[in-house]
Structures are given as structure tokens and as C-alpha cells.
């Protein structure tokens, strides 16, 4: 499924125009993207949880030369689906 299919489904099921449904979808995705950037967790009942995880600095290898390199610490967004979604 892509954004346009999602917009069509939301428009059809809620008696909205495609433009209105598209602005709803865009604002939901924007809220989901902005919240972890602020360091907060998003928990959507029945869908899953988005949270920011810290990744420590570590050593790695350059695959082409085999040289040891330092990989900087970073933050990553992780998604954890609920058990019901995993089993489906």
C-alpha cells in the first residue's frame, strides 16, 4: 500500500474528499515524524510503538579495505508492533 491508496481508502470510508483525506494522512505522518525527533515515544494502541534508541559508538571494518574504522554514536527510530499484529 502507498500513500495514494491509503488516502483513497480513508476518503471512501469516512465520506471525505481525496484532498481532505490527503491532508489528514499528511498531518498524521508529520506528527509521527516530529514526536521521536523531540525524543518522545509514540504509542498507538493496536498498531505499535515508535521510540528513539541510542546506538553507542563502536568499531567497524571498511568492507573494501578491511581497515578498522570508528562508527559514531547515533540515534535510531525503532518500531515495535503489538503481539496481535505480529501473529497476523
PDB file of N, CA and C in Angstrom:
ATOM      1  N   UNK A   1       0.852  -1.176   0.000  1.00  0.00           N
ATOM      2  CA  UNK A   1       0.000   0.000   0.000  1.00  0.00           C
ATOM      3  C   UNK A   1       0.893   1.233   0.000  1.00  0.00           C
ATOM      4  N   UNK A   2       0.499   2.243  -0.740  1.00  0.00           N
ATOM      5  CA  UNK A   2       1.220   3.504  -0.738  1.00  0.00           C
ATOM      6  C   UNK A   2       0.290   4.623  -0.260  1.00  0.00           C
ATOM      7  N   UNK A   3       0.801   5.852  -0.234  1.00  0.00           N
ATOM      8  CA  UNK A   3       0.008   6.968   0.300  1.00  0.00           C
ATOM      9  C   UNK A   3      -1.291   7.196  -0.466  1.00  0.00           C
ATOM     10  N   UNK A   4      -1.252   7.109  -1.785  1.00  0.00           N
ATOM     11  CA  UNK A   4      -2.459   7.403  -2.557  1.00  0.00           C
ATOM     12  C   UNK A   4      -3.550   6.359  -2.312  1.00  0.00           C
ATOM     13  N   UNK A   5      -3.174   5.093  -2.157  1.00  0.00           N
ATOM     14  CA  UNK A   5      -4.166   4.054  -1.850  1.00  0.00           C
ATOM     15  C   UNK A   5      -4.739   4.281  -0.452  1.00  0.00           C
ATOM     16  N   UNK A   6      -3.871   4.643   0.494  1.00  0.00           N
ATOM     17  CA  UNK A   6      -4.342   4.935   1.854  1.00  0.00           C
ATOM     18  C   UNK A   6      -5.303   6.117   1.856  1.00  0.00           C
ATOM     19  N   UNK A   7      -4.982   7.162   1.108  1.00  0.00           N
ATOM     20  CA  UNK A   7      -5.862   8.335   1.007  1.00  0.00           C
ATOM     21  C   UNK A   7      -7.209   7.937   0.419  1.00  0.00           C
ATOM     22  N   UNK A   8      -7.209   7.121  -0.622  1.00  0.00           N
ATOM     23  CA  UNK A   8      -8.467   6.680  -1.232  1.00  0.00           C
ATOM     24  C   UNK A   8      -9.317   5.883  -0.254  1.00  0.00           C
ATOM     25  N   UNK A   9      -8.685   4.981   0.516  1.00  0.00           N
ATOM     26  CA  UNK A   9      -9.441   4.180   1.488  1.00  0.00           C
ATOM     27  C   UNK A   9     -10.032   5.049   2.595  1.00  0.00           C
ATOM     28  N   UNK A  10      -9.260   6.007   3.086  1.00  0.00           N
ATOM     29  CA  UNK A  10      -9.756   6.889   4.148  1.00  0.00           C
ATOM     30  C   UNK A  10     -10.872   7.776   3.612  1.00  0.00           C
ATOM     31  N   UNK A  11     -10.717   8.292   2.399  1.00  0.00           N
ATOM     32  CA  UNK A  11     -11.754   9.133   1.799  1.00  0.00           C
ATOM     33  C   UNK A  11     -13.047   8.353   1.623  1.00  0.00           C
ATOM     34  N   UNK A  12     -12.950   7.123   1.135  1.00  0.00           N
ATOM     35  CA  UNK A  12     -14.152   6.313   0.898  1.00  0.00           C
ATOM     36  C   UNK A  12     -14.833   5.908   2.196  1.00  0.00           C
ATOM     37  N   UNK A  13     -14.062   5.534   3.208  1.00  0.00           N
ATOM     38  CA  UNK A  13     -14.677   5.037   4.440  1.00  0.00           C
ATOM     39  C   UNK A  13     -15.187   6.144   5.350  1.00  0.00           C
ATOM     40  N   UNK A  14     -14.760   7.390   5.131  1.00  0.00           N
ATOM     41  CA  UNK A  14     -15.184   8.494   6.006  1.00  0.00           C
ATOM     42  C   UNK A  14     -15.946   9.582   5.270  1.00  0.00           C
ATOM     43  N   UNK A  15     -16.350   9.307   4.030  1.00  0.00           N
ATOM     44  CA  UNK A  15     -17.117  10.260   3.221  1.00  0.00           C
ATOM     45  C   UNK A  15     -16.414  11.618   3.142  1.00  0.00           C
ATOM     46  N   UNK A  16     -15.119  11.570   2.797  1.00  0.00           N
ATOM     47  CA  UNK A  16     -14.312  12.783   2.651  1.00  0.00           C
ATOM     48  C   UNK A  16     -13.867  12.920   1.203  1.00  0.00           C
ATOM     49  N   UNK A  17     -13.489  14.142   0.822  1.00  0.00           N
ATOM     50  CA  UNK A  17     -12.872  14.307  -0.492  1.00  0.00           C
ATOM     51  C   UNK A  17     -11.440  13.786  -0.402  1.00  0.00           C
ATOM     52  N   UNK A  18     -10.852  13.488  -1.556  1.00  0.00           N
ATOM     53  CA  UNK A  18      -9.475  12.992  -1.548  1.00  0.00           C
ATOM     54  C   UNK A  18      -8.510  14.040  -1.007  1.00  0.00           C
ATOM     55  N   UNK A  19      -8.791  15.309  -1.255  1.00  0.00           N
ATOM     56  CA  UNK A  19      -7.939  16.384  -0.745  1.00  0.00           C
ATOM     57  C   UNK A  19      -7.958  16.451   0.768  1.00  0.00           C
ATOM     58  N   UNK A  20      -9.169  16.326   1.344  1.00  0.00           N
ATOM     59  CA  UNK A  20      -9.282  16.347   2.808  1.00  0.00           C
ATOM     60  C   UNK A  20      -8.608  15.122   3.424  1.00  0.00           C
ATOM     61  N   UNK A  21      -8.818  13.970   2.821  1.00  0.00           N
ATOM     62  CA  UNK A  21      -8.199  12.749   3.334  1.00  0.00           C
ATOM     63  C   UNK A  21      -6.678  12.824   3.233  1.00  0.00           C
ATOM     64  N   UNK A  22      -6.189  13.417   2.149  1.00  0.00           N
ATOM     65  CA  UNK A  22      -4.740  13.550   1.979  1.00  0.00           C
ATOM     66  C   UNK A  22      -4.147  14.457   3.049  1.00  0.00           C
ATOM     67  N   UNK A  23      -4.828  15.548   3.395  1.00  0.00           N
ATOM     68  CA  UNK A  23      -4.303  16.438   4.438  1.00  0.00           C
ATOM     69  C   UNK A  23      -4.329  15.754   5.799  1.00  0.00           C
ATOM     70  N   UNK A  24      -5.316  14.887   6.047  1.00  0.00           N
ATOM     71  CA  UNK A  24      -5.353  14.124   7.297  1.00  0.00           C
ATOM     72  C   UNK A  24      -4.178  13.152   7.358  1.00  0.00           C
ATOM     73  N   UNK A  25      -3.950  12.418   6.282  1.00  0.00           N
ATOM     74  CA  UNK A  25      -2.849  11.457   6.234  1.00  0.00           C
ATOM     75  C   UNK A  25      -1.511  12.174   6.410  1.00  0.00           C
ATOM     76  N   UNK A  26      -1.335  13.293   5.711  1.00  0.00           N
ATOM     77  CA  UNK A  26      -0.089  14.053   5.815  1.00  0.00           C
ATOM     78  C   UNK A  26       0.146  14.570   7.236  1.00  0.00           C
ATOM     79  N   UNK A  27      -0.912  15.054   7.889  1.00  0.00           N
ATOM     80  CA  UNK A  27      -0.736  15.580   9.242  1.00  0.00           C
ATOM     81  C   UNK A  27      -0.455  14.466  10.249  1.00  0.00           C
ATOM     82  N   UNK A  28      -1.038  13.290  10.048  1.00  0.00           N
ATOM     83  CA  UNK A  28      -0.746  12.154  10.936  1.00  0.00           C
ATOM     84  C   UNK A  28       0.708  11.739  10.789  1.00  0.00           C
ATOM     85  N   UNK A  29       1.182  11.619   9.546  1.00  0.00           N
ATOM     86  CA  UNK A  29       2.579  11.237   9.327  1.00  0.00           C
ATOM     87  C   UNK A  29       3.534  12.296   9.858  1.00  0.00           C
ATOM     88  N   UNK A  30       3.187  13.564   9.725  1.00  0.00           N
ATOM     89  CA  UNK A  30       4.034  14.638  10.240  1.00  0.00           C
ATOM     90  C   UNK A  30       4.127  14.569  11.768  1.00  0.00           C
ATOM     91  N   UNK A  31       2.999  14.302  12.423  1.00  0.00           N
ATOM     92  CA  UNK A  31       3.012  14.180  13.884  1.00  0.00           C
ATOM     93  C   UNK A  31       3.847  12.986  14.325  1.00  0.00           C
ATOM     94  N   UNK A  32       3.736  11.878  13.592  1.00  0.00           N
ATOM     95  CA  UNK A  32       4.527  10.688  13.920  1.00  0.00           C
ATOM     96  C   UNK A  32       6.014  10.974  13.724  1.00  0.00           C
ATOM     97  N   UNK A  33       6.377  11.709  12.690  1.00  0.00           N
ATOM     98  CA  UNK A  33       7.788  12.010  12.417  1.00  0.00           C
ATOM     99  C   UNK A  33       8.358  13.027  13.394  1.00  0.00           C
ATOM    100  N   UNK A  34       7.574  14.010  13.804  1.00  0.00           N
ATOM    101  CA  UNK A  34       8.076  15.072  14.685  1.00  0.00           C
ATOM    102  C   UNK A  34       8.262  14.619  16.123  1.00  0.00           C
ATOM    103  N   UNK A  35       7.433  13.727  16.601  1.00  0.00           N
ATOM    104  CA  UNK A  35       7.482  13.324  18.004  1.00  0.00           C
ATOM    105  C   UNK A  35       8.768  12.601  18.380  1.00  0.00           C
ATOM    106  N   UNK A  36       9.222  11.574  17.645  1.00  0.00           N
ATOM    107  CA  UNK A  36      10.505  10.957  18.007  1.00  0.00           C
ATOM    108  C   UNK A  36      11.686  11.913  17.849  1.00  0.00           C
ATOM    109  N   UNK A  37      11.590  12.864  16.928  1.00  0.00           N
ATOM    110  CA  UNK A  37      12.666  13.837  16.759  1.00  0.00           C
ATOM    111  C   UNK A  37      12.829  14.679  18.022  1.00  0.00           C
ATOM    112  N   UNK A  38      11.748  14.830  18.784  1.00  0.00           N
ATOM    113  CA  UNK A  38      11.805  15.552  20.047  1.00  0.00           C
ATOM    114  C   UNK A  38      12.211  14.636  21.200  1.00  0.00           C
ATOM    115  N   UNK A  39      12.479  13.361  20.898  1.00  0.00           N
ATOM    116  CA  UNK A  39      12.908  12.421  21.923  1.00  0.00           C
ATOM    117  C   UNK A  39      11.770  11.745  22.663  1.00  0.00           C
ATOM    118  N   UNK A  40      10.548  11.910  22.191  1.00  0.00           N
ATOM    119  CA  UNK A  40       9.391  11.313  22.850  1.00  0.00           C
ATOM    120  C   UNK A  40       8.987  10.017  22.163  1.00  0.00           C
ATOM    121  N   UNK A  41       8.253   9.195  22.892  1.00  0.00           N
ATOM    122  CA  UNK A  41       7.777   7.911  22.375  1.00  0.00           C
ATOM    123  C   UNK A  41       6.346   8.059  21.886  1.00  0.00           C
ATOM    124  N   UNK A  42       6.017   7.358  20.817  1.00  0.00           N
ATOM    125  CA  UNK A  42       4.642   7.338  20.300  1.00  0.00           C
ATOM    126  C   UNK A  42       4.099   5.934  20.494  1.00  0.00           C
ATOM    127  N   UNK A  43       2.960   5.819  21.144  1.00  0.00           N
ATOM    128  CA  UNK A  43       2.320   4.525  21.331  1.00  0.00           C
ATOM    129  C   UNK A  43       0.914   4.605  20.752  1.00  0.00           C
ATOM    130  N   UNK A  44       0.671   3.851  19.682  1.00  0.00           N
ATOM    131  CA  UNK A  44      -0.634   3.830  19.022  1.00  0.00           C
ATOM    132  C   UNK A  44      -1.285   2.481  19.309  1.00  0.00           C
ATOM    133  N   UNK A  45      -2.318   2.487  20.128  1.00  0.00           N
ATOM    134  CA  UNK A  45      -2.975   1.246  20.528  1.00  0.00           C
ATOM    135  C   UNK A  45      -3.434   0.455  19.312  1.00  0.00           C
ATOM    136  N   UNK A  46      -3.100  -0.824  19.295  1.00  0.00           N
ATOM    137  CA  UNK A  46      -3.486  -1.702  18.208  1.00  0.00           C
ATOM    138  C   UNK A  46      -2.584  -1.618  16.990  1.00  0.00           C
ATOM    139  N   UNK A  47      -1.644  -0.667  16.965  1.00  0.00           N
ATOM    140  CA  UNK A  47      -0.756  -0.528  15.811  1.00  0.00           C
ATOM    141  C   UNK A  47       0.703  -0.751  16.175  1.00  0.00           C
ATOM    142  N   UNK A  48       1.168  -0.105  17.230  1.00  0.00           N
ATOM    143  CA  UNK A  48       2.557  -0.298  17.632  1.00  0.00           C
ATOM    144  C   UNK A  48       3.136   0.897  18.342  1.00  0.00           C
ATOM    145  N   UNK A  49       4.450   0.836  18.555  1.00  0.00           N
ATOM    146  CA  UNK A  49       5.146   1.849  19.321  1.00  0.00           C
ATOM    147  C   UNK A  49       6.404   2.289  18.562  1.00  0.00           C
ATOM    148  N   UNK A  50       6.569   3.595  18.428  1.00  0.00           N
ATOM    149  CA  UNK A  50       7.775   4.183  17.858  1.00  0.00           C
ATOM    150  C   UNK A  50       8.563   4.796  18.998  1.00  0.00           C
ATOM    151  N   UNK A  51       9.866   4.501  19.065  1.00  0.00           N
ATOM    152  CA  UNK A  51      10.686   5.158  20.073  1.00  0.00           C
ATOM    153  C   UNK A  51      12.104   5.323  19.570  1.00  0.00           C
ATOM    154  N   UNK A  52      12.816   6.258  20.205  1.00  0.00           N
ATOM    155  CA  UNK A  52      14.189   6.565  19.830  1.00  0.00           C
ATOM    156  C   UNK A  52      15.122   5.710  20.674  1.00  0.00           C
ATOM    157  N   UNK A  53      16.059   5.039  20.011  1.00  0.00           N
ATOM    158  CA  UNK A  53      17.061   4.241  20.705  1.00  0.00           C
ATOM    159  C   UNK A  53      18.434   4.834  20.429  1.00  0.00           C
ATOM    160  N   UNK A  54      19.272   4.856  21.457  1.00  0.00           N
ATOM    161  CA  UNK A  54      20.645   5.319  21.296  1.00  0.00           C
ATOM    162  C   UNK A  54      21.515   4.160  20.856  1.00  0.00           C
ATOM    163  N   UNK A  55      22.351   4.410  19.870  1.00  0.00           N
ATOM    164  CA  UNK A  55      23.309   3.429  19.390  1.00  0.00           C
ATOM    165  C   UNK A  55      24.692   3.921  19.808  1.00  0.00           C
ATOM    166  N   UNK A  56      25.416   3.119  20.571  1.00  0.00           N
ATOM    167  CA  UNK A  56      26.722   3.521  21.085  1.00  0.00           C
ATOM    168  C   UNK A  56      27.761   3.553  19.968  1.00  0.00           C
ATOM    169  N   UNK A  57      28.817   4.332  20.200  1.00  0.00           N
ATOM    170  CA  UNK A  57      29.938   4.354  19.262  1.00  0.00           C
ATOM    171  C   UNK A  57      30.610   2.981  19.293  1.00  0.00           C
ATOM    172  N   UNK A  58      31.140   2.569  18.138  1.00  0.00           N
ATOM    173  CA  UNK A  58      31.758   1.251  18.080  1.00  0.00           C
ATOM    174  C   UNK A  58      32.770   1.198  16.940  1.00  0.00           C
ATOM    175  N   UNK A  59      33.553   0.132  16.930  1.00  0.00           N
ATOM    176  CA  UNK A  59      34.499  -0.091  15.848  1.00  0.00           C
ATOM    177  C   UNK A  59      33.839  -0.934  14.769  1.00  0.00           C
ATOM    178  N   UNK A  60      34.186  -0.655  13.543  1.00  0.00           N
ATOM    179  CA  UNK A  60      33.692  -1.431  12.419  1.00  0.00           C
ATOM    180  C   UNK A  60      34.808  -1.650  11.426  1.00  0.00           C
ATOM    181  N   UNK A  61      34.499  -2.291  10.347  1.00  0.00           N
ATOM    182  CA  UNK A  61      35.503  -2.545   9.308  1.00  0.00           C
ATOM    183  C   UNK A  61      34.997  -2.020   7.970  1.00  0.00           C
ATOM    184  N   UNK A  62      35.904  -1.404   7.224  1.00  0.00           N
ATOM    185  CA  UNK A  62      35.610  -0.988   5.866  1.00  0.00           C
ATOM    186  C   UNK A  62      35.588  -2.259   5.022  1.00  0.00           C
ATOM    187  N   UNK A  63      34.453  -2.611   4.402  1.00  0.00           N
ATOM    188  CA  UNK A  63      34.370  -3.882   3.687  1.00  0.00           C
ATOM    189  C   UNK A  63      35.307  -3.991   2.487  1.00  0.00           C
ATOM    190  N   UNK A  64      35.661  -2.875   1.872  1.00  0.00           N
ATOM    191  CA  UNK A  64      36.528  -2.968   0.695  1.00  0.00           C
ATOM    192  C   UNK A  64      38.005  -3.067   1.050  1.00  0.00           C
ATOM    193  N   UNK A  65      38.422  -2.445   2.163  1.00  0.00           N
ATOM    194  CA  UNK A  65      39.850  -2.465   2.516  1.00  0.00           C
ATOM    195  C   UNK A  65      40.150  -3.313   3.740  1.00  0.00           C
ATOM    196  N   UNK A  66      39.136  -3.589   4.552  1.00  0.00           N
ATOM    197  CA  UNK A  66      39.355  -4.339   5.787  1.00  0.00           C
ATOM    198  C   UNK A  66      39.895  -3.480   6.917  1.00  0.00           C
ATOM    199  N   UNK A  67      40.061  -2.191   6.660  1.00  0.00           N
ATOM    200  CA  UNK A  67      40.593  -1.254   7.644  1.00  0.00           C
ATOM    201  C   UNK A  67      39.588  -1.029   8.773  1.00  0.00           C
ATOM    202  N   UNK A  68      40.092  -0.929  10.001  1.00  0.00           N
ATOM    203  CA  UNK A  68      39.233  -0.645  11.152  1.00  0.00           C
ATOM    204  C   UNK A  68      38.845   0.833  11.140  1.00  0.00           C
ATOM    205  N   UNK A  69      37.553   1.102  11.342  1.00  0.00           N
ATOM    206  CA  UNK A  69      37.065   2.485  11.383  1.00  0.00           C
ATOM    207  C   UNK A  69      36.213   2.678  12.626  1.00  0.00           C
ATOM    208  N   UNK A  70      36.056   3.911  13.037  1.00  0.00           N
ATOM    209  CA  UNK A  70      35.193   4.242  14.163  1.00  0.00           C
ATOM    210  C   UNK A  70      33.818   4.645  13.629  1.00  0.00           C
ATOM    211  N   UNK A  71      32.786   4.045  14.174  1.00  0.00           N
ATOM    212  CA  UNK A  71      31.408   4.385  13.821  1.00  0.00           C
ATOM    213  C   UNK A  71      30.872   5.234  14.956  1.00  0.00           C
ATOM    214  N   UNK A  72      30.416   6.431  14.643  1.00  0.00           N
ATOM    215  CA  UNK A  72      29.961   7.380  15.655  1.00  0.00           C
ATOM    216  C   UNK A  72      28.661   6.919  16.315  1.00  0.00           C
ATOM    217  N   UNK A  73      28.443   7.397  17.531  1.00  0.00           N
ATOM    218  CA  UNK A  73      27.180   7.142  18.224  1.00  0.00           C
ATOM    219  C   UNK A  73      26.061   7.834  17.451  1.00  0.00           C
ATOM    220  N   UNK A  74      24.871   7.248  17.484  1.00  0.00           N
ATOM    221  CA  UNK A  74      23.743   7.833  16.767  1.00  0.00           C
ATOM    222  C   UNK A  74      22.440   7.471  17.461  1.00  0.00           C
ATOM    223  N   UNK A  75      21.378   8.070  16.982  1.00  0.00           N
ATOM    224  CA  UNK A  75      20.036   7.763  17.475  1.00  0.00           C
ATOM    225  C   UNK A  75      19.258   7.146  16.332  1.00  0.00           C
ATOM    226  N   UNK A  76      18.482   6.112  16.648  1.00  0.00           N
ATOM    227  CA  UNK A  76      17.690   5.416  15.641  1.00  0.00           C
ATOM    228  C   UNK A  76      16.245   5.315  16.113  1.00  0.00           C
ATOM    229  N   UNK A  77      15.334   5.342  15.172  1.00  0.00           N
ATOM    230  CA  UNK A  77      13.920   5.160  15.499  1.00  0.00           C
ATOM    231  C   UNK A  77      13.594   3.694  15.313  1.00  0.00           C
ATOM    232  N   UNK A  78      12.984   3.108  16.334  1.00  0.00           N
ATOM    233  CA  UNK A  78      12.581   1.710  16.227  1.00  0.00           C
ATOM    234  C   UNK A  78      11.064   1.619  16.312  1.00  0.00           C
ATOM    235  N   UNK A  79      10.537   0.592  15.686  1.00  0.00           N
ATOM    236  CA  UNK A  79       9.100   0.334  15.702  1.00  0.00           C
ATOM    237  C   UNK A  79       8.879  -1.041  16.291  1.00  0.00           C
ATOM    238  N   UNK A  80       7.984  -1.132  17.262  1.00  0.00           N
ATOM    239  CA  UNK A  80       7.627  -2.405  17.872  1.00  0.00           C
ATOM    240  C   UNK A  80       6.140  -2.647  17.642  1.00  0.00           C
ATOM    241  N   UNK A  81       5.787  -3.644  16.834  1.00  0.00           N
ATOM    242  CA  UNK A  81       4.370  -3.927  16.615  1.00  0.00           C
ATOM    243  C   UNK A  81       3.785  -4.677  17.815  1.00  0.00           C
ATOM    244  N   UNK A  82       2.467  -4.594  18.014  1.00  0.00           N
ATOM    245  CA  UNK A  82       1.852  -5.332  19.103  1.00  0.00           C
ATOM    246  C   UNK A  82       1.812  -6.840  18.759  1.00  0.00           C
ATOM    247  N   UNK A  83       1.620  -7.667  19.762  1.00  0.00           N
ATOM    248  CA  UNK A  83       1.581  -9.121  19.541  1.00  0.00           C
ATOM    249  C   UNK A  83       0.529  -9.524  18.529  1.00  0.00           C
ATOM    250  N   UNK A  84      -0.652  -8.904  18.581  1.00  0.00           N
ATOM    251  CA  UNK A  84      -1.722  -9.274  17.646  1.00  0.00           C
ATOM    252  C   UNK A  84      -1.326  -9.001  16.196  1.00  0.00           C
ATOM    253  N   UNK A  85      -0.609  -7.913  15.958  1.00  0.00           N
ATOM    254  CA  UNK A  85      -0.168  -7.589  14.605  1.00  0.00           C
ATOM    255  C   UNK A  85       0.945  -8.539  14.167  1.00  0.00           C
ATOM    256  N   UNK A  86       1.816  -8.938  15.079  1.00  0.00           N
ATOM    257  CA  UNK A  86       2.883  -9.881  14.760  1.00  0.00           C
ATOM    258  C   UNK A  86       2.315 -11.221  14.334  1.00  0.00           C
ATOM    259  N   UNK A  87       1.307 -11.696  15.032  1.00  0.00           N
ATOM    260  CA  UNK A  87       0.748 -13.012  14.736  1.00  0.00           C
ATOM    261  C   UNK A  87      -0.119 -12.992  13.473  1.00  0.00           C
ATOM    262  N   UNK A  88      -0.649 -11.830  13.117  1.00  0.00           N
ATOM    263  CA  UNK A  88      -1.474 -11.735  11.904  1.00  0.00           C
ATOM    264  C   UNK A  88      -0.586 -11.811  10.693  1.00  0.00           C
TER     265      UNK A  88
END
